[in-house]
């Protein structure tokens, strides 16, 4: 499995921790050329985690910050949501839960990390007390088809997992000016009662109003 970079600020004996899950990072350097290192260059998600006062963890995606022999371009392109990638984050989350003897975790996922948050919530339904996605790619097949991109073969589609976790309280934020994950797609993927649209938010800016 992959080594996953995790940073945390947790007070021992706390019950609940908020876990922020990174997006796809620098997956591509151009529309046709994949990156050789998917580590995000200016992580919005890490900033959100840093602004959270306490009892918070930040979880990177496979091959971000920590590179291993298993790291290969498909794991941040078409196989970014592969079973092995989900397994690695799930192992990291379970280790965090065990280390601090946590009763609950709140998951926050950005962009592709939103899909990961959904997939992790399905695997940890007894532990996840809240699920939040921001500009989340909640149906990667629909997303790639919309742009005419190659399908993410080898990736699990979070859309079907969403149907299995309806009992978990959730909020899905979408940006009205997001051209990476267009709001009209988010409106198809998320139930109306769980979707919050920020009219002026783009994919990378305008999320200041979100209260994690």
N, C-alpha and C. Protein backbone atom coordinates (compact mmCIF):
# COMPACT_ATOMS: atom_id res chain seq x y z
N UNK A 1 0.85 -1.20 0.00
CA UNK A 1 0.00 0.00 0.00
C UNK A 1 0.88 1.25 0.00
N UNK A 2 0.25 2.40 -0.14
CA UNK A 2 0.98 3.66 -0.17
C UNK A 2 1.20 4.19 1.24
N UNK A 3 2.29 4.92 1.43
CA UNK A 3 2.44 5.73 2.64
C UNK A 3 1.65 7.02 2.42
N UNK A 4 0.92 7.43 3.44
CA UNK A 4 0.10 8.64 3.35
C UNK A 4 0.62 9.69 4.31
N UNK A 5 0.83 10.89 3.80
CA UNK A 5 1.26 12.01 4.65
C UNK A 5 0.07 12.53 5.45
N UNK A 6 0.24 12.57 6.77
CA UNK A 6 -0.81 13.06 7.66
C UNK A 6 -0.19 14.03 8.66
N UNK A 7 -0.79 15.19 8.79
CA UNK A 7 -0.39 16.14 9.84
C UNK A 7 -1.59 16.33 10.75
N UNK A 8 -1.36 16.37 12.05
CA UNK A 8 -2.48 16.50 12.98
C UNK A 8 -2.13 17.40 14.16
N UNK A 9 -3.18 17.97 14.74
CA UNK A 9 -3.07 18.75 15.98
C UNK A 9 -4.24 18.29 16.85
N UNK A 10 -3.96 17.36 17.72
CA UNK A 10 -5.03 16.68 18.46
C UNK A 10 -4.71 16.65 19.95
N UNK A 11 -5.69 17.01 20.75
CA UNK A 11 -5.56 16.94 22.20
C UNK A 11 -5.93 15.53 22.66
N UNK A 12 -5.04 14.86 23.36
CA UNK A 12 -5.37 13.51 23.85
C UNK A 12 -6.66 13.51 24.66
N UNK A 13 -7.40 12.44 24.55
CA UNK A 13 -8.68 12.21 25.24
C UNK A 13 -9.85 12.94 24.58
N UNK A 14 -9.63 13.56 23.42
CA UNK A 14 -10.73 14.18 22.70
C UNK A 14 -11.58 13.08 22.04
N UNK A 15 -12.86 13.39 21.81
CA UNK A 15 -13.78 12.39 21.23
C UNK A 15 -13.82 12.41 19.71
N UNK A 16 -13.77 13.64 19.15
CA UNK A 16 -14.01 13.83 17.72
C UNK A 16 -12.91 14.65 17.08
N UNK A 17 -12.49 14.26 15.89
CA UNK A 17 -11.47 15.00 15.14
C UNK A 17 -12.00 15.29 13.74
N UNK A 18 -11.69 16.48 13.25
CA UNK A 18 -12.04 16.87 11.88
C UNK A 18 -10.89 16.51 10.96
N UNK A 19 -11.16 15.74 9.92
CA UNK A 19 -10.12 15.27 9.01
C UNK A 19 -10.32 15.88 7.63
N UNK A 20 -9.35 16.68 7.20
CA UNK A 20 -9.39 17.31 5.88
C UNK A 20 -8.65 16.43 4.88
N UNK A 21 -9.27 16.18 3.74
CA UNK A 21 -8.69 15.30 2.73
C UNK A 21 -8.35 16.12 1.48
N UNK A 22 -7.09 16.03 1.08
CA UNK A 22 -6.56 16.83 -0.02
C UNK A 22 -7.23 16.48 -1.36
N UNK A 23 -7.18 17.45 -2.27
CA UNK A 23 -7.68 17.24 -3.62
C UNK A 23 -6.67 16.47 -4.46
N UNK A 24 -6.81 16.57 -5.78
CA UNK A 24 -5.95 15.79 -6.68
C UNK A 24 -4.54 16.37 -6.81
N UNK A 25 -4.33 17.57 -6.27
CA UNK A 25 -3.00 18.17 -6.31
C UNK A 25 -2.58 18.51 -7.73
N UNK A 26 -1.29 18.46 -7.99
CA UNK A 26 -0.77 18.78 -9.32
C UNK A 26 -0.74 17.49 -10.15
N UNK A 27 -1.92 17.08 -10.59
CA UNK A 27 -2.02 15.82 -11.34
C UNK A 27 -1.53 15.98 -12.78
N UNK A 28 -1.76 17.16 -13.33
CA UNK A 28 -1.40 17.43 -14.72
C UNK A 28 -0.64 18.74 -14.81
N UNK A 29 0.36 18.80 -15.68
CA UNK A 29 1.08 20.06 -15.92
C UNK A 29 0.55 20.74 -17.18
N UNK A 30 -0.17 20.00 -18.01
CA UNK A 30 -0.89 20.57 -19.16
C UNK A 30 -2.06 19.63 -19.43
N UNK A 31 -2.88 19.98 -20.40
CA UNK A 31 -4.07 19.16 -20.67
C UNK A 31 -3.72 17.77 -21.18
N UNK A 32 -2.49 17.60 -21.66
CA UNK A 32 -2.10 16.30 -22.21
C UNK A 32 -0.91 15.67 -21.49
N UNK A 33 -0.30 16.43 -20.57
CA UNK A 33 0.92 15.94 -19.94
C UNK A 33 0.74 15.79 -18.43
N UNK A 34 0.80 14.55 -17.93
CA UNK A 34 0.66 14.37 -16.48
C UNK A 34 1.90 14.84 -15.73
N UNK A 35 1.68 15.22 -14.49
CA UNK A 35 2.78 15.62 -13.62
C UNK A 35 3.59 14.40 -13.20
N UNK A 36 4.84 14.63 -12.85
CA UNK A 36 5.67 13.56 -12.30
C UNK A 36 5.59 13.52 -10.78
N UNK A 37 4.95 14.55 -10.20
CA UNK A 37 4.80 14.64 -8.74
C UNK A 37 3.48 15.35 -8.44
N UNK A 38 2.49 14.63 -7.90
CA UNK A 38 1.17 15.23 -7.68
C UNK A 38 1.04 16.08 -6.42
N UNK A 39 2.12 16.30 -5.71
CA UNK A 39 2.06 17.11 -4.50
C UNK A 39 1.50 18.49 -4.82
N UNK A 40 0.48 18.95 -4.09
CA UNK A 40 -0.07 20.29 -4.36
C UNK A 40 0.96 21.37 -4.10
N UNK A 41 0.97 22.39 -4.93
CA UNK A 41 1.96 23.46 -4.80
C UNK A 41 1.52 24.55 -3.82
N UNK A 42 0.22 24.72 -3.68
CA UNK A 42 -0.29 25.76 -2.78
C UNK A 42 -1.63 25.26 -2.24
N UNK A 43 -1.56 24.40 -1.24
CA UNK A 43 -2.74 23.65 -0.81
C UNK A 43 -3.76 24.49 -0.06
N UNK A 44 -4.92 24.63 -0.68
CA UNK A 44 -6.05 25.29 -0.04
C UNK A 44 -6.52 24.47 1.17
N UNK A 45 -6.48 23.16 1.03
CA UNK A 45 -6.99 22.27 2.08
C UNK A 45 -6.10 22.33 3.32
N UNK A 46 -4.80 22.38 3.11
CA UNK A 46 -3.88 22.49 4.25
C UNK A 46 -4.11 23.81 4.99
N UNK A 47 -4.40 24.87 4.26
CA UNK A 47 -4.70 26.16 4.90
C UNK A 47 -5.98 26.07 5.73
N UNK A 48 -6.98 25.39 5.20
CA UNK A 48 -8.22 25.21 5.97
C UNK A 48 -7.93 24.45 7.27
N UNK A 49 -7.14 23.42 7.17
CA UNK A 49 -6.81 22.63 8.36
C UNK A 49 -6.02 23.47 9.37
N UNK A 50 -5.09 24.27 8.87
CA UNK A 50 -4.27 25.11 9.75
C UNK A 50 -5.12 26.14 10.47
N UNK A 51 -6.20 26.60 9.83
CA UNK A 51 -7.06 27.61 10.45
C UNK A 51 -8.01 27.00 11.48
N UNK A 52 -8.13 25.68 11.47
CA UNK A 52 -8.99 25.01 12.45
C UNK A 52 -8.23 24.94 13.77
N UNK A 53 -8.86 25.45 14.82
CA UNK A 53 -8.14 25.70 16.08
C UNK A 53 -7.48 24.45 16.66
N UNK A 54 -8.22 23.38 16.76
CA UNK A 54 -7.66 22.19 17.42
C UNK A 54 -8.42 20.95 16.99
N UNK A 55 -7.86 19.81 17.34
CA UNK A 55 -8.46 18.52 17.04
C UNK A 55 -8.77 18.38 15.55
N UNK A 56 -7.69 18.50 14.78
CA UNK A 56 -7.79 18.51 13.33
C UNK A 56 -6.66 17.66 12.74
N UNK A 57 -6.95 17.03 11.63
CA UNK A 57 -5.92 16.29 10.89
C UNK A 57 -6.04 16.63 9.41
N UNK A 58 -4.91 16.66 8.74
CA UNK A 58 -4.85 16.86 7.28
C UNK A 58 -4.29 15.58 6.67
N UNK A 59 -4.96 15.08 5.67
CA UNK A 59 -4.55 13.82 5.04
C UNK A 59 -4.32 14.06 3.55
N UNK A 60 -3.09 13.82 3.11
CA UNK A 60 -2.77 13.96 1.70
C UNK A 60 -3.23 12.71 0.95
N UNK A 61 -3.14 12.77 -0.35
CA UNK A 61 -3.50 11.64 -1.20
C UNK A 61 -2.25 10.84 -1.56
N UNK A 62 -2.41 9.63 -2.06
CA UNK A 62 -1.24 8.83 -2.40
C UNK A 62 -0.24 9.56 -3.29
N UNK A 63 1.03 9.46 -2.93
CA UNK A 63 2.17 10.01 -3.69
C UNK A 63 2.32 11.52 -3.57
N UNK A 64 1.48 12.17 -2.75
CA UNK A 64 1.68 13.58 -2.44
C UNK A 64 2.57 13.68 -1.21
N UNK A 65 3.61 14.46 -1.31
CA UNK A 65 4.59 14.68 -0.22
C UNK A 65 5.47 13.46 0.05
N UNK A 66 4.90 12.26 -0.04
CA UNK A 66 5.64 11.03 0.26
C UNK A 66 5.63 10.14 -0.98
N UNK A 67 6.80 9.92 -1.56
CA UNK A 67 6.89 9.13 -2.79
C UNK A 67 7.43 7.74 -2.46
N UNK A 68 6.86 6.73 -3.09
CA UNK A 68 7.33 5.36 -2.86
C UNK A 68 7.45 4.64 -4.19
N UNK A 69 8.00 3.44 -4.15
CA UNK A 69 8.18 2.67 -5.38
C UNK A 69 6.86 2.37 -6.07
N UNK A 70 5.80 2.30 -5.30
CA UNK A 70 4.48 1.98 -5.86
C UNK A 70 3.89 3.15 -6.64
N UNK A 71 4.39 4.35 -6.40
CA UNK A 71 3.84 5.54 -7.04
C UNK A 71 4.07 5.50 -8.55
N UNK A 72 2.99 5.63 -9.27
CA UNK A 72 3.05 5.64 -10.72
C UNK A 72 1.95 6.58 -11.22
N UNK A 73 2.16 7.17 -12.37
CA UNK A 73 1.28 8.21 -12.88
C UNK A 73 -0.21 7.85 -12.85
N UNK A 74 -0.62 6.63 -13.16
CA UNK A 74 -2.06 6.33 -13.09
C UNK A 74 -2.71 6.64 -11.74
N UNK A 75 -1.93 6.56 -10.65
CA UNK A 75 -2.53 6.76 -9.34
C UNK A 75 -2.86 8.22 -9.03
N UNK A 76 -2.47 9.14 -9.89
CA UNK A 76 -3.00 10.51 -9.75
C UNK A 76 -3.67 10.98 -11.03
N UNK A 77 -3.89 10.05 -11.97
CA UNK A 77 -4.65 10.38 -13.18
C UNK A 77 -5.88 9.46 -13.24
N UNK A 78 -5.87 8.47 -14.11
CA UNK A 78 -7.10 7.68 -14.30
C UNK A 78 -7.43 6.76 -13.12
N UNK A 79 -6.43 6.36 -12.33
CA UNK A 79 -6.68 5.45 -11.20
C UNK A 79 -6.59 6.18 -9.87
N UNK A 80 -6.90 7.46 -9.87
CA UNK A 80 -6.76 8.26 -8.63
C UNK A 80 -7.70 7.79 -7.52
N UNK A 81 -8.81 7.14 -7.90
CA UNK A 81 -9.73 6.58 -6.90
C UNK A 81 -9.73 5.05 -6.95
N UNK A 82 -8.58 4.49 -7.29
CA UNK A 82 -8.44 3.03 -7.36
C UNK A 82 -8.62 2.41 -5.98
N UNK A 83 -9.01 1.14 -5.92
CA UNK A 83 -9.16 0.48 -4.61
C UNK A 83 -7.91 0.60 -3.74
N UNK A 84 -6.72 0.50 -4.35
CA UNK A 84 -5.48 0.60 -3.56
C UNK A 84 -5.33 1.98 -2.93
N UNK A 85 -5.77 3.02 -3.66
CA UNK A 85 -5.68 4.38 -3.14
C UNK A 85 -6.65 4.58 -1.98
N UNK A 86 -7.87 4.06 -2.15
CA UNK A 86 -8.86 4.16 -1.07
C UNK A 86 -8.39 3.35 0.14
N UNK A 87 -7.83 2.17 -0.11
CA UNK A 87 -7.31 1.35 0.99
C UNK A 87 -6.27 2.11 1.81
N UNK A 88 -5.38 2.81 1.11
CA UNK A 88 -4.29 3.52 1.79
C UNK A 88 -4.83 4.62 2.70
N UNK A 89 -5.80 5.40 2.19
CA UNK A 89 -6.38 6.45 3.02
C UNK A 89 -7.21 5.86 4.16
N UNK A 90 -7.88 4.76 3.87
CA UNK A 90 -8.68 4.11 4.91
C UNK A 90 -7.78 3.59 6.03
N UNK A 91 -6.64 3.02 5.67
CA UNK A 91 -5.68 2.57 6.68
C UNK A 91 -5.19 3.73 7.53
N UNK A 92 -4.90 4.87 6.87
CA UNK A 92 -4.42 6.05 7.59
C UNK A 92 -5.49 6.58 8.54
N UNK A 93 -6.74 6.59 8.07
CA UNK A 93 -7.83 7.07 8.91
C UNK A 93 -8.05 6.14 10.11
N UNK A 94 -8.05 4.86 9.86
CA UNK A 94 -8.25 3.90 10.96
C UNK A 94 -7.10 3.96 11.98
N UNK A 95 -5.89 4.21 11.49
CA UNK A 95 -4.75 4.36 12.40
C UNK A 95 -4.92 5.57 13.30
N UNK A 96 -5.42 6.66 12.72
CA UNK A 96 -5.67 7.88 13.49
C UNK A 96 -6.74 7.63 14.55
N UNK A 97 -7.81 6.97 14.15
CA UNK A 97 -8.90 6.65 15.08
C UNK A 97 -8.40 5.78 16.23
N UNK A 98 -7.58 4.80 15.89
CA UNK A 98 -7.06 3.88 16.92
C UNK A 98 -6.07 4.58 17.84
N UNK A 99 -5.19 5.39 17.25
CA UNK A 99 -4.14 6.05 18.04
C UNK A 99 -4.74 6.95 19.12
N UNK A 100 -5.80 7.67 18.77
CA UNK A 100 -6.38 8.62 19.72
C UNK A 100 -7.68 8.09 20.34
N UNK A 101 -8.02 6.84 20.04
CA UNK A 101 -9.22 6.23 20.59
C UNK A 101 -10.45 7.12 20.34
N UNK A 102 -10.61 7.53 19.09
CA UNK A 102 -11.67 8.47 18.72
C UNK A 102 -13.02 7.77 18.63
N UNK A 103 -14.04 8.47 19.12
CA UNK A 103 -15.40 7.95 18.97
C UNK A 103 -15.95 8.30 17.59
N UNK A 104 -15.62 9.51 17.12
CA UNK A 104 -16.17 9.99 15.85
C UNK A 104 -15.12 10.80 15.08
N UNK A 105 -15.30 10.87 13.76
CA UNK A 105 -14.52 11.78 12.92
C UNK A 105 -15.49 12.52 12.00
N UNK A 106 -15.12 13.76 11.67
CA UNK A 106 -15.83 14.52 10.66
C UNK A 106 -14.91 14.61 9.44
N UNK A 107 -15.41 14.25 8.29
CA UNK A 107 -14.60 14.24 7.07
C UNK A 107 -14.92 15.46 6.21
N UNK A 108 -13.86 16.12 5.74
CA UNK A 108 -13.99 17.26 4.83
C UNK A 108 -13.11 16.97 3.62
N UNK A 109 -13.70 16.90 2.44
CA UNK A 109 -12.93 16.61 1.24
C UNK A 109 -13.10 17.67 0.18
N UNK A 110 -12.01 18.02 -0.47
CA UNK A 110 -12.02 19.06 -1.51
C UNK A 110 -11.76 18.43 -2.89
N UNK A 111 -12.57 18.80 -3.87
CA UNK A 111 -12.39 18.37 -5.25
C UNK A 111 -12.35 16.84 -5.32
N UNK A 112 -11.27 16.25 -5.82
CA UNK A 112 -11.18 14.79 -5.82
C UNK A 112 -11.16 14.21 -4.42
N UNK A 113 -10.71 15.01 -3.45
CA UNK A 113 -10.76 14.58 -2.05
C UNK A 113 -12.18 14.44 -1.54
N UNK A 114 -13.12 15.12 -2.20
CA UNK A 114 -14.53 14.94 -1.86
C UNK A 114 -14.99 13.53 -2.16
N UNK A 115 -14.56 13.02 -3.31
CA UNK A 115 -14.88 11.62 -3.65
C UNK A 115 -14.26 10.67 -2.63
N UNK A 116 -13.02 10.94 -2.27
CA UNK A 116 -12.35 10.10 -1.28
C UNK A 116 -13.08 10.15 0.07
N UNK A 117 -13.54 11.32 0.45
CA UNK A 117 -14.27 11.46 1.72
C UNK A 117 -15.53 10.60 1.71
N UNK A 118 -16.24 10.61 0.59
CA UNK A 118 -17.45 9.79 0.46
C UNK A 118 -17.11 8.30 0.57
N UNK A 119 -16.05 7.89 -0.13
CA UNK A 119 -15.66 6.48 -0.11
C UNK A 119 -15.19 6.04 1.28
N UNK A 120 -14.51 6.94 1.98
CA UNK A 120 -14.08 6.63 3.35
C UNK A 120 -15.27 6.59 4.31
N UNK A 121 -16.23 7.48 4.08
CA UNK A 121 -17.43 7.49 4.92
C UNK A 121 -18.19 6.17 4.79
N UNK A 122 -18.24 5.64 3.58
CA UNK A 122 -18.94 4.36 3.39
C UNK A 122 -18.25 3.24 4.16
N UNK A 123 -16.93 3.29 4.24
CA UNK A 123 -16.18 2.23 4.93
C UNK A 123 -16.18 2.40 6.45
N UNK A 124 -16.52 3.60 6.92
CA UNK A 124 -16.43 3.89 8.35
C UNK A 124 -17.73 4.52 8.87
N UNK A 125 -18.84 3.92 8.48
CA UNK A 125 -20.13 4.55 8.77
C UNK A 125 -20.40 4.71 10.26
N UNK A 126 -19.87 3.80 11.07
CA UNK A 126 -20.09 3.92 12.50
C UNK A 126 -19.27 4.99 13.17
N UNK A 127 -18.27 5.50 12.47
CA UNK A 127 -17.36 6.49 13.05
C UNK A 127 -17.56 7.90 12.49
N UNK A 128 -18.14 8.03 11.31
CA UNK A 128 -18.24 9.34 10.66
C UNK A 128 -19.52 10.04 11.11
N UNK A 129 -19.35 11.18 11.78
CA UNK A 129 -20.50 11.90 12.31
C UNK A 129 -20.96 13.02 11.37
N UNK A 130 -20.09 13.40 10.41
CA UNK A 130 -20.46 14.45 9.46
C UNK A 130 -19.56 14.34 8.23
N UNK A 131 -20.14 14.60 7.07
CA UNK A 131 -19.40 14.58 5.81
C UNK A 131 -19.60 15.91 5.10
N UNK A 132 -18.50 16.57 4.77
CA UNK A 132 -18.55 17.83 4.03
C UNK A 132 -17.67 17.71 2.79
N UNK A 133 -18.21 18.10 1.63
CA UNK A 133 -17.38 18.18 0.44
C UNK A 133 -17.43 19.60 -0.10
N UNK A 134 -16.32 20.02 -0.67
CA UNK A 134 -16.22 21.35 -1.28
C UNK A 134 -15.77 21.14 -2.73
N UNK A 135 -16.61 21.56 -3.67
CA UNK A 135 -16.32 21.35 -5.09
C UNK A 135 -15.98 19.89 -5.35
N UNK A 136 -16.72 19.00 -4.74
CA UNK A 136 -16.40 17.58 -4.79
C UNK A 136 -16.73 16.92 -6.13
N UNK A 137 -15.84 16.06 -6.58
CA UNK A 137 -16.09 15.25 -7.78
C UNK A 137 -16.85 14.00 -7.31
N UNK A 138 -18.16 14.12 -7.27
CA UNK A 138 -18.98 13.07 -6.65
C UNK A 138 -19.44 12.01 -7.64
N UNK A 139 -19.16 12.23 -8.92
CA UNK A 139 -19.47 11.23 -9.95
C UNK A 139 -18.43 11.39 -11.06
N UNK A 140 -17.33 10.65 -10.96
CA UNK A 140 -16.23 10.91 -11.89
C UNK A 140 -16.57 10.51 -13.32
N UNK A 141 -17.46 9.54 -13.51
CA UNK A 141 -17.85 9.14 -14.86
C UNK A 141 -18.62 10.27 -15.55
N UNK A 142 -19.53 10.86 -14.82
CA UNK A 142 -20.31 11.99 -15.33
C UNK A 142 -19.41 13.19 -15.59
N UNK A 143 -18.47 13.40 -14.70
CA UNK A 143 -17.54 14.54 -14.78
C UNK A 143 -16.65 14.46 -16.02
N UNK A 144 -16.02 13.31 -16.24
CA UNK A 144 -15.15 13.18 -17.42
C UNK A 144 -15.97 13.23 -18.71
N UNK A 145 -17.16 12.65 -18.70
CA UNK A 145 -18.02 12.68 -19.89
C UNK A 145 -18.42 14.11 -20.23
N UNK A 146 -18.69 14.91 -19.21
CA UNK A 146 -19.08 16.31 -19.42
C UNK A 146 -18.02 17.08 -20.20
N UNK A 147 -16.76 16.82 -19.87
CA UNK A 147 -15.66 17.54 -20.51
C UNK A 147 -15.09 16.80 -21.73
N UNK A 148 -15.62 15.62 -22.01
CA UNK A 148 -15.09 14.84 -23.12
C UNK A 148 -13.71 14.28 -22.84
N UNK A 149 -13.40 14.09 -21.55
CA UNK A 149 -12.09 13.56 -21.16
C UNK A 149 -12.12 12.03 -21.11
N UNK A 150 -10.93 11.45 -21.06
CA UNK A 150 -10.84 9.99 -20.92
C UNK A 150 -11.45 9.56 -19.59
N UNK A 151 -12.18 8.46 -19.57
CA UNK A 151 -12.76 8.00 -18.29
C UNK A 151 -11.67 7.57 -17.32
N UNK A 152 -11.99 7.65 -16.04
CA UNK A 152 -11.04 7.26 -14.99
C UNK A 152 -11.14 5.75 -14.76
N UNK A 153 -10.68 5.00 -15.75
CA UNK A 153 -10.71 3.54 -15.65
C UNK A 153 -9.87 3.09 -14.45
N UNK A 154 -10.40 2.16 -13.70
CA UNK A 154 -9.68 1.68 -12.53
C UNK A 154 -10.04 2.43 -11.26
N UNK A 155 -10.91 3.45 -11.38
CA UNK A 155 -11.32 4.24 -10.21
C UNK A 155 -12.72 3.86 -9.76
N UNK A 156 -12.91 3.85 -8.45
CA UNK A 156 -14.24 3.62 -7.87
C UNK A 156 -15.04 4.91 -7.98
N UNK A 157 -16.31 4.80 -8.31
CA UNK A 157 -17.16 5.98 -8.44
C UNK A 157 -17.89 6.25 -7.12
N UNK A 158 -17.60 7.40 -6.53
CA UNK A 158 -18.19 7.75 -5.23
C UNK A 158 -19.69 7.94 -5.29
N UNK A 159 -20.23 8.19 -6.47
CA UNK A 159 -21.66 8.47 -6.60
C UNK A 159 -22.51 7.34 -6.02
N UNK A 160 -22.07 6.11 -6.26
CA UNK A 160 -22.85 4.96 -5.78
C UNK A 160 -22.69 4.77 -4.27
N UNK A 161 -21.56 5.20 -3.75
CA UNK A 161 -21.35 5.15 -2.30
C UNK A 161 -22.26 6.15 -1.59
N UNK A 162 -22.51 7.29 -2.24
CA UNK A 162 -23.38 8.32 -1.64
C UNK A 162 -24.73 7.74 -1.25
N UNK A 163 -25.24 6.86 -2.09
CA UNK A 163 -26.57 6.28 -1.85
C UNK A 163 -26.59 5.42 -0.59
N UNK A 164 -25.42 4.96 -0.18
CA UNK A 164 -25.35 4.04 0.96
C UNK A 164 -25.09 4.75 2.29
N UNK A 165 -24.86 6.04 2.24
CA UNK A 165 -24.51 6.76 3.48
C UNK A 165 -25.46 7.92 3.75
N UNK A 166 -26.69 7.78 3.29
CA UNK A 166 -27.65 8.89 3.43
C UNK A 166 -27.94 9.21 4.89
N UNK A 167 -27.66 8.25 5.80
CA UNK A 167 -27.93 8.49 7.22
C UNK A 167 -26.86 9.39 7.86
N UNK A 168 -25.73 9.58 7.19
CA UNK A 168 -24.67 10.45 7.73
C UNK A 168 -24.99 11.90 7.37
N UNK A 169 -25.05 12.81 8.35
CA UNK A 169 -25.28 14.22 8.04
C UNK A 169 -24.22 14.73 7.07
N UNK A 170 -24.65 15.42 6.02
CA UNK A 170 -23.69 15.86 5.02
C UNK A 170 -24.07 17.18 4.38
N UNK A 171 -23.03 17.92 3.98
CA UNK A 171 -23.19 19.17 3.23
C UNK A 171 -22.23 19.10 2.05
N UNK A 172 -22.74 19.44 0.88
CA UNK A 172 -21.91 19.47 -0.32
C UNK A 172 -21.93 20.89 -0.88
N UNK A 173 -20.77 21.55 -0.81
CA UNK A 173 -20.66 22.93 -1.30
C UNK A 173 -20.24 22.94 -2.76
N UNK A 174 -20.88 23.80 -3.53
CA UNK A 174 -20.54 23.97 -4.94
C UNK A 174 -20.37 25.45 -5.24
N UNK A 175 -19.48 25.76 -6.17
CA UNK A 175 -19.23 27.14 -6.55
C UNK A 175 -19.96 27.52 -7.83
N UNK A 176 -20.68 28.63 -7.78
CA UNK A 176 -21.44 29.07 -8.94
C UNK A 176 -20.57 29.43 -10.13
N UNK A 177 -19.29 29.73 -9.88
CA UNK A 177 -18.37 30.10 -10.96
C UNK A 177 -17.25 29.07 -11.12
N UNK A 178 -17.49 27.87 -10.63
CA UNK A 178 -16.49 26.80 -10.71
C UNK A 178 -16.53 26.20 -12.12
N UNK A 179 -15.43 26.32 -12.86
CA UNK A 179 -15.39 25.73 -14.20
C UNK A 179 -14.67 24.38 -14.22
N UNK A 180 -14.19 23.92 -13.06
CA UNK A 180 -13.57 22.60 -12.96
C UNK A 180 -14.62 21.55 -12.56
N UNK A 181 -15.42 21.89 -11.56
CA UNK A 181 -16.56 21.05 -11.17
C UNK A 181 -17.81 21.94 -11.26
N UNK A 182 -18.39 22.05 -12.46
CA UNK A 182 -19.50 22.99 -12.67
C UNK A 182 -20.69 22.69 -11.76
N UNK A 183 -21.34 23.77 -11.33
CA UNK A 183 -22.43 23.63 -10.37
C UNK A 183 -23.57 22.79 -10.94
N UNK A 184 -23.78 22.82 -12.25
CA UNK A 184 -24.88 22.03 -12.81
C UNK A 184 -24.63 20.53 -12.64
N UNK A 185 -23.36 20.14 -12.54
CA UNK A 185 -23.06 18.74 -12.25
C UNK A 185 -23.32 18.43 -10.78
N UNK A 186 -22.87 19.34 -9.91
CA UNK A 186 -23.10 19.15 -8.47
C UNK A 186 -24.59 19.02 -8.17
N UNK A 187 -25.41 19.77 -8.90
CA UNK A 187 -26.85 19.73 -8.69
C UNK A 187 -27.43 18.37 -9.09
N UNK A 188 -26.78 17.70 -10.02
CA UNK A 188 -27.21 16.35 -10.42
C UNK A 188 -26.79 15.31 -9.39
N UNK A 189 -25.64 15.53 -8.77
CA UNK A 189 -25.04 14.50 -7.92
C UNK A 189 -25.55 14.51 -6.48
N UNK A 190 -25.71 15.70 -5.92
CA UNK A 190 -26.07 15.82 -4.50
C UNK A 190 -27.56 16.08 -4.34
N UNK A 191 -28.15 15.53 -3.30
CA UNK A 191 -29.55 15.81 -3.00
C UNK A 191 -29.71 17.30 -2.71
N UNK A 192 -30.84 17.83 -3.12
CA UNK A 192 -31.08 19.27 -3.00
C UNK A 192 -30.93 19.76 -1.56
N UNK A 193 -31.37 18.94 -0.61
CA UNK A 193 -31.32 19.37 0.80
C UNK A 193 -29.91 19.36 1.37
N UNK A 194 -28.96 18.74 0.68
CA UNK A 194 -27.58 18.72 1.19
C UNK A 194 -26.65 19.64 0.41
N UNK A 195 -27.15 20.24 -0.68
CA UNK A 195 -26.30 21.07 -1.55
C UNK A 195 -26.38 22.54 -1.17
N UNK A 196 -25.23 23.17 -1.01
CA UNK A 196 -25.15 24.61 -0.74
C UNK A 196 -24.31 25.23 -1.85
N UNK A 197 -24.89 26.16 -2.59
CA UNK A 197 -24.18 26.81 -3.70
C UNK A 197 -23.71 28.19 -3.26
N UNK A 198 -22.41 28.44 -3.41
CA UNK A 198 -21.85 29.77 -3.18
C UNK A 198 -21.71 30.42 -4.56
N UNK A 199 -22.57 31.40 -4.88
CA UNK A 199 -22.68 31.90 -6.25
C UNK A 199 -21.38 32.43 -6.84
N UNK A 200 -20.52 33.01 -6.03
CA UNK A 200 -19.31 33.65 -6.56
C UNK A 200 -18.05 32.81 -6.42
N UNK A 201 -18.17 31.61 -5.89
CA UNK A 201 -16.99 30.77 -5.69
C UNK A 201 -16.53 30.13 -6.99
N UNK A 202 -15.22 30.15 -7.22
CA UNK A 202 -14.61 29.39 -8.31
C UNK A 202 -14.09 28.08 -7.72
N UNK A 203 -13.31 27.34 -8.49
CA UNK A 203 -12.80 26.08 -7.93
C UNK A 203 -11.80 26.34 -6.81
N UNK A 204 -11.04 27.41 -6.94
CA UNK A 204 -9.94 27.64 -5.98
C UNK A 204 -10.18 28.83 -5.06
N UNK A 205 -11.19 29.64 -5.33
CA UNK A 205 -11.38 30.86 -4.54
C UNK A 205 -12.85 31.05 -4.17
N UNK A 206 -13.05 31.82 -3.10
CA UNK A 206 -14.40 32.20 -2.72
C UNK A 206 -15.08 31.29 -1.71
N UNK A 207 -14.27 30.47 -1.01
CA UNK A 207 -14.84 29.53 -0.05
C UNK A 207 -14.74 30.03 1.39
N UNK A 208 -14.44 31.31 1.56
CA UNK A 208 -14.23 31.84 2.92
C UNK A 208 -15.48 31.71 3.80
N UNK A 209 -16.64 31.71 3.18
CA UNK A 209 -17.89 31.65 3.95
C UNK A 209 -18.18 30.26 4.50
N UNK A 210 -17.45 29.27 4.02
CA UNK A 210 -17.70 27.90 4.48
C UNK A 210 -17.22 27.74 5.91
N UNK A 211 -18.10 27.26 6.76
CA UNK A 211 -17.77 27.03 8.17
C UNK A 211 -17.56 25.53 8.37
N UNK A 212 -16.31 25.17 8.56
CA UNK A 212 -16.00 23.75 8.74
C UNK A 212 -16.22 23.35 10.20
